Amino acid sequence: MPAVRNVLVVGGGAAGAAAAILLAEGGVAVDLVDVKPDVAALGSGITLQGNALRVLRELGVWDQVRSEGFAFDTLGIRAPDPAGTLVAELTDIRTGGPDLPATLGMYRPALARILIDRAGAAGVKVRFGACPEGLEQDGDSVLVRFADGTDGRYDLVIGADGIRSWTRRQIGIDLEPQPVGMGIWRTFTKRPASVTRTDLIYGGPCYIAGYCPTGADTLYAYLVEDAQDRFRLTPEEALSTMRRLSLAYHGPWDEIREHLTDPGRVNYTAFESHVLDGPWHRGRVVVIGDAAHSCPPTLAQGAAQALEDASVLAELLLAGGSLTETLWSDFTGRRLPRATAVVEASLQLAAWQLAHERGDVPGLMARVSRLVAEPA
């Protein structure tokens, strides 16, 4: 018997949609709300490691993800020279198991739509443009009020509402992400035939120049630089800046740059990081995904850790019988050390780059891969 009968999930991203799907499939009544008018409206590409694919298979969407994405098993390292020379080709660990690829890239809005459609098919009641305004706990339930004047009473509220989590603030957790010192330019564009995996270039005017195939004819490319106030640039100025920075990189970058023509496809984000050290719940409200932890995308584990949070939480809730401190202790014990290790490794990689130190990048990546290859 599940520990809860009805649940509100706040946030329709990967963590929220995954938790909603698994709980609904287990017989729990689930409402999912998101303040955005359409969860698939924004984003460029996303890199999903094998441990993320393992959860997506658990959710019943792997076949669709595989069809829409682009899978690969190696990572290339190129030099910041006029030829974009390939200096190393690394075989990635299949962290999701031998029957799943090591990595898959795909269009982020496409993944969001797949997950939300799956949630609806599982019986989740999904509302976009729904803004929670307040919550009150009385020991046995949580009363949630919405901006449109409606309310609902739930056995549990799951806050999967991102790095600026409303839910986290509502339950009195005073924790804000901290800047890492880096910013990233991203674009989503046409994939040259020469791009069949992620290649990374370290050095030049940026810390990292990379790209990831996302489909039969698409990719997303990115440039990581010192964090700067780029947010006041017009779309045309942003495009011009990314093109200028990319001029230092060659090989497939020369072909990618030819397709860097749409200002609407360029965005800039500053890296931030945090981890909630201690229980992620307060009473009958819990935060997961970016609401509980975030890290710079230097190891491409953000979505994977969010999906793992949802999988473990749903497993415990569906087997729990009742919402006890033992259940919460099990959840914290399984998720906090693993998420913390990933955040710390991501920050270590960023620190090496900021200090222009070589560091043991392959060794660090291998250690993280071995960690996440174990079931969450």
Protein backbone atom coordinates (compact mmCIF):
# COMPACT_ATOMS: atom_id res chain seq x y z
CA MET A 1 0.00 0.00 0.00
CA PRO A 2 1.46 3.41 -0.93
CA ALA A 3 2.44 5.80 1.84
CA VAL A 4 0.27 8.50 0.24
CA ARG A 5 -3.05 8.57 -1.60
CA ASN A 6 -2.88 11.92 -3.36
CA VAL A 7 0.10 14.11 -4.23
CA LEU A 8 0.73 17.54 -5.68
CA VAL A 9 3.85 17.90 -7.82
CA VAL A 10 4.99 21.50 -8.30
CA GLY A 11 7.07 21.75 -11.48
CA GLY A 12 6.77 19.92 -14.77
CA GLY A 13 10.44 19.41 -15.62
CA ALA A 14 12.26 16.08 -15.63
CA ALA A 15 12.11 15.47 -11.87
CA GLY A 16 8.49 16.51 -11.47
CA ALA A 17 7.18 14.66 -14.50
CA ALA A 18 9.09 11.50 -13.57
CA ALA A 19 7.80 11.49 -10.00
CA ALA A 20 4.25 12.09 -11.23
CA ILE A 21 4.41 9.26 -13.75
CA LEU A 22 5.78 6.68 -11.32
CA LEU A 23 3.35 7.57 -8.54
CA ALA A 24 0.35 7.59 -10.87
CA GLU A 25 1.37 4.22 -12.28
CA GLY A 26 1.48 2.97 -8.69
CA GLY A 27 -2.12 3.99 -8.01
CA VAL A 28 -1.60 7.41 -6.42
CA ALA A 29 -3.80 10.33 -7.49
CA VAL A 30 -1.41 13.01 -8.79
CA ASP A 31 -1.89 16.66 -9.71
CA LEU A 32 1.02 18.34 -11.51
CA VAL A 33 1.16 22.14 -11.83
CA ASP A 34 3.64 24.41 -13.53
CA VAL A 35 3.68 28.20 -13.72
CA LYS A 36 4.83 28.15 -17.34
CA PRO A 37 2.18 28.18 -20.06
CA ASP A 38 3.90 25.29 -21.85
CA VAL A 39 6.67 23.16 -20.39
CA ALA A 40 8.19 22.52 -23.82
CA ALA A 41 8.40 26.16 -24.86
CA LEU A 42 12.03 26.87 -23.96
CA GLY A 43 15.44 25.22 -24.14
CA SER A 44 18.13 24.05 -26.49
CA GLY A 45 19.73 20.63 -26.15
CA ILE A 46 20.31 18.23 -23.30
CA THR A 47 22.94 15.54 -22.73
CA LEU A 48 21.64 12.42 -21.00
CA GLN A 49 24.09 9.95 -19.51
CA GLY A 50 23.28 6.26 -19.19
CA ASN A 51 21.97 6.52 -15.63
CA ALA A 52 19.40 9.05 -16.88
CA LEU A 53 18.42 6.69 -19.70
CA ARG A 54 17.93 3.93 -17.13
CA VAL A 55 15.23 6.01 -15.40
CA LEU A 56 13.66 7.01 -18.72
CA ARG A 57 13.32 3.31 -19.51
CA GLU A 58 11.67 2.81 -16.11
CA LEU A 59 9.22 5.56 -17.08
CA GLY A 60 8.29 3.73 -20.29
CA VAL A 61 9.57 6.40 -22.67
CA TRP A 62 12.93 4.98 -23.71
CA ASP A 63 11.84 3.87 -27.18
CA GLN A 64 10.49 7.32 -27.97
CA VAL A 65 13.57 9.05 -26.53
CA ARG A 66 15.87 6.81 -28.55
CA SER A 67 13.89 7.54 -31.70
CA GLU A 68 14.01 11.32 -31.27
CA GLY A 69 17.54 11.63 -29.85
CA PHE A 70 21.05 10.73 -30.95
CA ALA A 71 22.98 8.04 -29.06
CA PHE A 72 26.76 7.57 -28.90
CA ASP A 73 29.40 5.81 -26.78
CA THR A 74 32.57 7.87 -27.13
CA LEU A 75 33.86 11.31 -26.18
CA GLY A 76 36.33 13.25 -28.31
CA ILE A 77 38.94 15.72 -27.05
CA ARG A 78 40.17 18.23 -29.63
CA ALA A 79 42.94 20.81 -29.54
CA PRO A 80 42.31 24.57 -29.84
CA ASP A 81 44.48 24.69 -32.96
CA PRO A 82 43.72 25.74 -36.56
CA ALA A 83 42.78 22.18 -37.50
CA GLY A 84 40.72 21.30 -34.43
CA THR A 85 42.98 18.28 -34.10
CA LEU A 86 41.47 15.22 -32.43
CA VAL A 87 43.92 14.37 -29.64
CA ALA A 88 41.95 11.68 -27.79
CA GLU A 89 38.91 9.49 -28.19
CA LEU A 90 37.57 8.08 -24.93
CA THR A 91 35.12 5.20 -24.64
CA ASP A 92 32.48 6.20 -22.11
CA ILE A 93 31.22 3.88 -19.41
CA ARG A 94 27.67 2.69 -20.05
CA THR A 95 26.38 3.87 -16.69
CA GLY A 96 22.83 2.72 -17.40
CA GLY A 97 23.92 -0.84 -18.10
CA PRO A 98 25.25 -2.72 -21.15
CA ASP A 99 21.94 -2.56 -23.03
CA LEU A 100 21.77 1.25 -23.01
CA PRO A 101 24.12 3.66 -24.80
CA ALA A 102 26.62 5.65 -22.77
CA THR A 103 25.14 9.00 -23.81
CA LEU A 104 22.21 10.41 -25.74
CA GLY A 105 21.67 13.97 -26.85
CA MET A 106 18.26 15.38 -27.71
CA TYR A 107 16.26 18.57 -28.04
CA ARG A 108 15.28 19.57 -24.49
CA PRO A 109 11.70 20.67 -25.35
CA ALA A 110 11.16 17.32 -27.09
CA LEU A 111 12.10 15.45 -23.92
CA ALA A 112 9.82 17.69 -21.88
CA ARG A 113 6.90 17.01 -24.19
CA ILE A 114 7.49 13.24 -24.12
CA LEU A 115 7.46 13.21 -20.33
CA ILE A 116 4.37 15.39 -19.98
CA ASP A 117 2.45 13.34 -22.53
CA ARG A 118 3.44 10.17 -20.66
CA ALA A 119 2.26 11.73 -17.39
CA GLY A 120 -1.13 12.50 -18.92
CA ALA A 121 -1.41 8.95 -20.24
CA ALA A 122 -0.64 7.62 -16.74
CA GLY A 123 -3.56 9.58 -15.32
CA VAL A 124 -1.77 12.62 -13.94
CA LYS A 125 -3.90 15.78 -13.95
CA VAL A 126 -1.62 18.39 -15.52
CA ARG A 127 -2.23 22.15 -15.29
CA PHE A 128 0.04 24.73 -16.90
CA GLY A 129 -0.11 28.38 -15.99
CA ALA A 130 -1.09 27.32 -12.47
CA CYS A 131 0.69 29.32 -9.78
CA PRO A 132 0.71 28.04 -6.19
CA GLU A 133 0.43 30.91 -3.76
CA GLY A 134 0.64 29.40 -0.30
CA LEU A 135 0.68 26.14 1.63
CA GLU A 136 -0.26 25.12 5.16
CA GLN A 137 0.55 21.84 6.89
CA ASP A 138 -1.65 20.43 9.66
CA GLY A 139 0.22 17.21 10.35
CA ASP A 140 -1.95 14.89 8.27
CA SER A 141 -2.16 16.87 5.03
CA VAL A 142 -1.05 19.98 3.16
CA LEU A 143 -3.48 22.67 2.00
CA VAL A 144 -2.23 24.44 -1.13
CA ARG A 145 -3.77 27.68 -2.37
CA PHE A 146 -3.44 28.78 -6.00
CA ALA A 147 -3.39 32.27 -7.48
CA ASP A 148 -6.65 31.64 -9.35
CA GLY A 149 -8.49 31.27 -6.06
CA THR A 150 -8.68 27.46 -6.07
CA ASP A 151 -7.11 25.19 -3.47
CA GLY A 152 -6.40 21.54 -2.87
CA ARG A 153 -5.53 19.25 0.03
CA TYR A 154 -2.81 16.64 -0.41
CA ASP A 155 -1.04 13.92 1.56
CA LEU A 156 2.29 15.14 0.13
CA VAL A 157 3.66 18.03 -1.91
CA ILE A 158 6.72 17.42 -4.07
CA GLY A 159 8.59 20.57 -5.00
CA ALA A 160 10.36 19.96 -8.30
CA ASP A 161 10.24 23.60 -9.27
CA GLY A 162 13.84 24.29 -10.14
CA ILE A 163 16.81 26.20 -8.88
CA ARG A 164 14.70 29.18 -7.69
CA SER A 165 12.22 26.87 -6.00
CA TRP A 166 9.06 28.48 -4.62
CA THR A 167 8.45 25.32 -2.59
CA ARG A 168 11.87 25.47 -0.95
CA ARG A 169 11.22 28.99 0.27
CA GLN A 170 7.69 28.15 1.44
CA ILE A 171 8.95 25.47 3.82
CA GLY A 172 11.53 27.78 5.34
CA ILE A 173 14.72 26.49 3.75
CA ASP A 174 17.09 29.45 3.50
CA LEU A 175 19.34 28.26 0.70
CA GLU A 176 20.24 30.06 -2.49
CA PRO A 177 22.47 28.89 -5.36
CA GLN A 178 25.90 30.46 -5.47
CA PRO A 179 27.74 31.67 -8.60
CA VAL A 180 30.49 29.43 -9.91
CA GLY A 181 32.28 32.08 -11.98
CA MET A 182 31.44 30.76 -15.43
CA GLY A 183 28.79 31.47 -18.03
CA ILE A 184 27.70 29.37 -20.98
CA TRP A 185 26.57 30.28 -24.48
CA ARG A 186 24.24 27.69 -26.04
CA THR A 187 22.73 27.34 -29.48
CA PHE A 188 20.53 24.78 -31.21
CA THR A 189 21.18 24.39 -34.90
CA LYS A 190 21.80 22.08 -37.86
CA ARG A 191 24.10 19.08 -37.35
CA PRO A 192 26.98 18.63 -39.80
CA ALA A 193 27.48 14.99 -40.83
CA SER A 194 30.92 15.07 -39.17
CA VAL A 195 29.37 15.44 -35.68
CA THR A 196 28.44 12.00 -34.34
CA ARG A 197 29.28 12.44 -30.64
CA THR A 198 30.29 15.09 -28.12
CA ASP A 199 33.72 16.63 -28.68
CA LEU A 200 35.28 19.03 -26.17
CA ILE A 201 37.97 21.61 -26.74
CA TYR A 202 39.70 22.97 -23.64
CA GLY A 203 41.53 26.28 -23.98
CA GLY A 204 41.45 29.26 -26.30
CA PRO A 205 39.30 32.29 -25.40
CA CYS A 206 36.80 29.98 -23.67
CA TYR A 207 37.27 27.30 -21.06
CA ILE A 208 35.28 24.77 -23.09
CA ALA A 209 33.99 24.67 -26.65
CA GLY A 210 31.74 21.70 -27.17
CA TYR A 211 28.80 20.25 -29.08
CA CYS A 212 26.40 17.35 -28.79
CA PRO A 213 24.29 15.77 -31.56
CA THR A 214 20.60 15.84 -30.69
CA GLY A 215 18.92 14.13 -33.64
CA ALA A 216 19.20 13.09 -37.26
CA ASP A 217 19.99 16.64 -38.41
CA THR A 218 20.33 18.76 -35.24
CA LEU A 219 22.84 19.53 -32.49
CA TYR A 220 23.44 21.95 -29.70
CA ALA A 221 26.77 23.70 -29.33
CA TYR A 222 28.14 25.61 -26.37
CA LEU A 223 30.97 27.86 -25.27
CA VAL A 224 31.92 28.29 -21.59
CA GLU A 225 33.58 31.56 -20.57
CA ASP A 226 34.14 33.72 -17.50
CA ALA A 227 30.78 34.82 -16.11
CA GLN A 228 29.91 38.26 -17.46
CA ASP A 229 26.90 40.53 -17.64
CA ARG A 230 25.71 39.31 -21.01
CA PHE A 231 22.03 39.51 -20.18
CA ARG A 232 21.50 43.03 -21.56
CA LEU A 233 22.58 42.06 -25.08
CA THR A 234 19.97 42.06 -27.80
CA PRO A 235 19.42 38.73 -29.55
CA GLU A 236 21.45 40.00 -32.51
CA GLU A 237 24.31 41.08 -30.23
CA ALA A 238 24.24 37.71 -28.47
CA LEU A 239 24.49 35.90 -31.79
CA SER A 240 27.38 38.12 -32.87
CA THR A 241 29.20 37.49 -29.57
CA MET A 242 28.84 33.72 -29.78
CA ARG A 243 30.01 33.71 -33.39
CA ARG A 244 33.03 35.84 -32.48
CA LEU A 245 34.05 33.54 -29.62
CA SER A 246 33.61 30.48 -31.84
CA LEU A 247 36.11 31.79 -34.42
CA ALA A 248 38.94 30.38 -32.30
CA TYR A 249 37.67 26.81 -32.74
CA HIS A 250 37.92 24.63 -35.79
CA GLY A 251 37.33 21.13 -37.08
CA PRO A 252 33.52 20.61 -36.97
CA TRP A 253 33.17 24.08 -35.44
CA ASP A 254 33.87 25.58 -38.86
CA GLU A 255 30.74 23.85 -40.20
CA ILE A 256 28.67 24.61 -37.09
CA ARG A 257 29.52 28.30 -37.36
CA GLU A 258 28.04 28.44 -40.87
CA HIS A 259 24.65 27.62 -39.35
CA LEU A 260 24.96 30.10 -36.48
CA THR A 261 22.55 32.58 -38.06
CA ASP A 262 19.38 32.63 -35.93
CA PRO A 263 19.43 35.08 -32.97
CA GLY A 264 16.44 33.31 -31.49
CA ARG A 265 18.47 30.13 -31.06
CA VAL A 266 21.18 31.63 -28.83
CA ASN A 267 21.00 31.93 -25.04
CA TYR A 268 23.38 32.70 -22.19
CA THR A 269 23.28 31.34 -18.63
CA ALA A 270 25.54 31.82 -15.61
CA PHE A 271 26.66 28.67 -13.77
CA GLU A 272 25.34 28.34 -10.21
CA SER A 273 25.45 25.56 -7.66
CA HIS A 274 23.93 24.45 -4.38
CA VAL A 275 23.09 21.31 -2.43
CA LEU A 276 20.67 21.01 0.47
CA ASP A 277 22.80 19.33 3.12
CA GLY A 278 20.40 17.38 5.29
CA PRO A 279 16.84 16.14 4.90
CA TRP A 280 15.11 17.45 1.77
CA HIS A 281 11.69 17.39 3.44
CA ARG A 282 9.86 19.46 5.99
CA GLY A 283 6.82 17.61 7.27
CA ARG A 284 4.78 16.53 4.25
CA VAL A 285 6.64 18.66 1.71
CA VAL A 286 9.81 17.52 -0.05
CA VAL A 287 12.06 19.10 -2.70
CA ILE A 288 13.87 17.17 -5.42
CA GLY A 289 15.90 17.87 -8.56
CA ASP A 290 17.27 21.39 -8.98
CA ALA A 291 15.19 22.51 -6.01
CA ALA A 292 17.45 20.37 -3.80
CA HIS A 293 20.75 20.42 -5.68
CA SER A 294 22.31 21.96 -8.78
CA CYS A 295 25.74 21.96 -10.32
CA PRO A 296 27.54 23.40 -13.33
CA PRO A 297 26.93 21.16 -16.37
CA THR A 298 30.60 20.20 -16.63
CA LEU A 299 29.74 16.51 -16.14
CA ALA A 300 26.26 16.49 -17.77
CA GLN A 301 24.68 14.89 -14.69
CA GLY A 302 22.04 17.47 -13.73
CA ALA A 303 19.08 15.81 -15.43
CA ALA A 304 20.28 12.34 -14.44
CA GLN A 305 20.41 13.24 -10.75
CA ALA A 306 16.97 14.85 -10.93
CA LEU A 307 15.51 11.73 -12.54
CA GLU A 308 17.17 9.53 -9.94
CA ASP A 309 15.64 11.64 -7.15
CA ALA A 310 12.19 11.02 -8.61
CA SER A 311 12.77 7.29 -9.07
CA VAL A 312 14.00 6.71 -5.52
CA LEU A 313 11.29 8.88 -3.94
CA ALA A 314 8.52 7.11 -5.87
CA GLU A 315 9.95 3.69 -5.00
CA LEU A 316 9.95 4.47 -1.28
CA LEU A 317 6.50 6.10 -1.31
CA LEU A 318 4.90 3.21 -3.18
CA ALA A 319 6.39 0.62 -0.81
CA GLY A 320 6.18 2.68 2.36
CA GLY A 321 2.75 1.95 3.82
CA SER A 322 2.90 5.25 5.69
CA LEU A 323 4.86 8.48 5.62
CA THR A 324 7.35 7.83 8.43
CA GLU A 325 10.68 9.27 9.48
CA THR A 326 12.22 5.94 8.48
CA LEU A 327 11.06 6.52 4.91
CA TRP A 328 12.54 10.01 4.91
CA SER A 329 15.77 8.76 6.46
CA ASP A 330 16.06 6.14 3.72
CA PHE A 331 15.45 8.78 1.05
CA THR A 332 18.08 11.15 2.46
CA GLY A 333 20.55 8.30 2.92
CA ARG A 334 20.21 7.16 -0.69
CA ARG A 335 20.13 10.52 -2.42
CA LEU A 336 22.13 13.08 -0.45
CA PRO A 337 25.59 11.41 -0.63
CA ARG A 338 25.25 10.62 -4.33
CA ALA A 339 23.98 14.07 -5.35
CA THR A 340 26.63 15.74 -3.20
CA ALA A 341 29.41 13.71 -4.79
CA VAL A 342 28.24 14.71 -8.27
CA VAL A 343 27.96 18.39 -7.34
CA GLU A 344 31.42 18.39 -5.76
CA ALA A 345 32.98 16.66 -8.78
CA SER A 346 31.32 19.15 -11.15
CA LEU A 347 32.64 22.04 -9.07
CA GLN A 348 36.12 20.51 -8.96
CA LEU A 349 36.22 20.33 -12.74
CA ALA A 350 35.08 23.95 -12.97
CA ALA A 351 37.70 25.01 -10.40
CA TRP A 352 40.50 23.41 -12.42
CA GLN A 353 39.37 25.28 -15.50
CA LEU A 354 39.03 28.60 -13.70
CA ALA A 355 42.56 28.19 -12.32
CA HIS A 356 43.89 27.06 -15.72
CA GLU A 357 45.07 23.81 -14.12
CA ARG A 358 45.15 20.56 -16.04
CA GLY A 359 43.87 18.39 -13.22
CA ASP A 360 42.99 14.72 -13.64
CA VAL A 361 39.92 15.31 -15.80
CA PRO A 362 39.70 11.75 -17.23
CA GLY A 363 40.18 10.29 -13.77
CA LEU A 364 37.48 12.48 -12.27
CA MET A 365 35.04 11.64 -15.07
CA ALA A 366 35.75 7.93 -14.63
CA ARG A 367 35.15 8.12 -10.87
CA VAL A 368 31.78 9.81 -11.38
CA SER A 369 30.83 7.28 -14.06
CA ARG A 370 31.61 4.37 -11.72
CA LEU A 371 29.56 6.02 -8.97
CA VAL A 372 26.44 6.62 -11.06
CA ALA A 373 26.67 3.22 -12.74
CA GLU A 374 25.52 1.74 -9.44
CA PRO A 375 21.73 1.78 -8.98
CA ALA A 376 20.56 4.89 -7.15
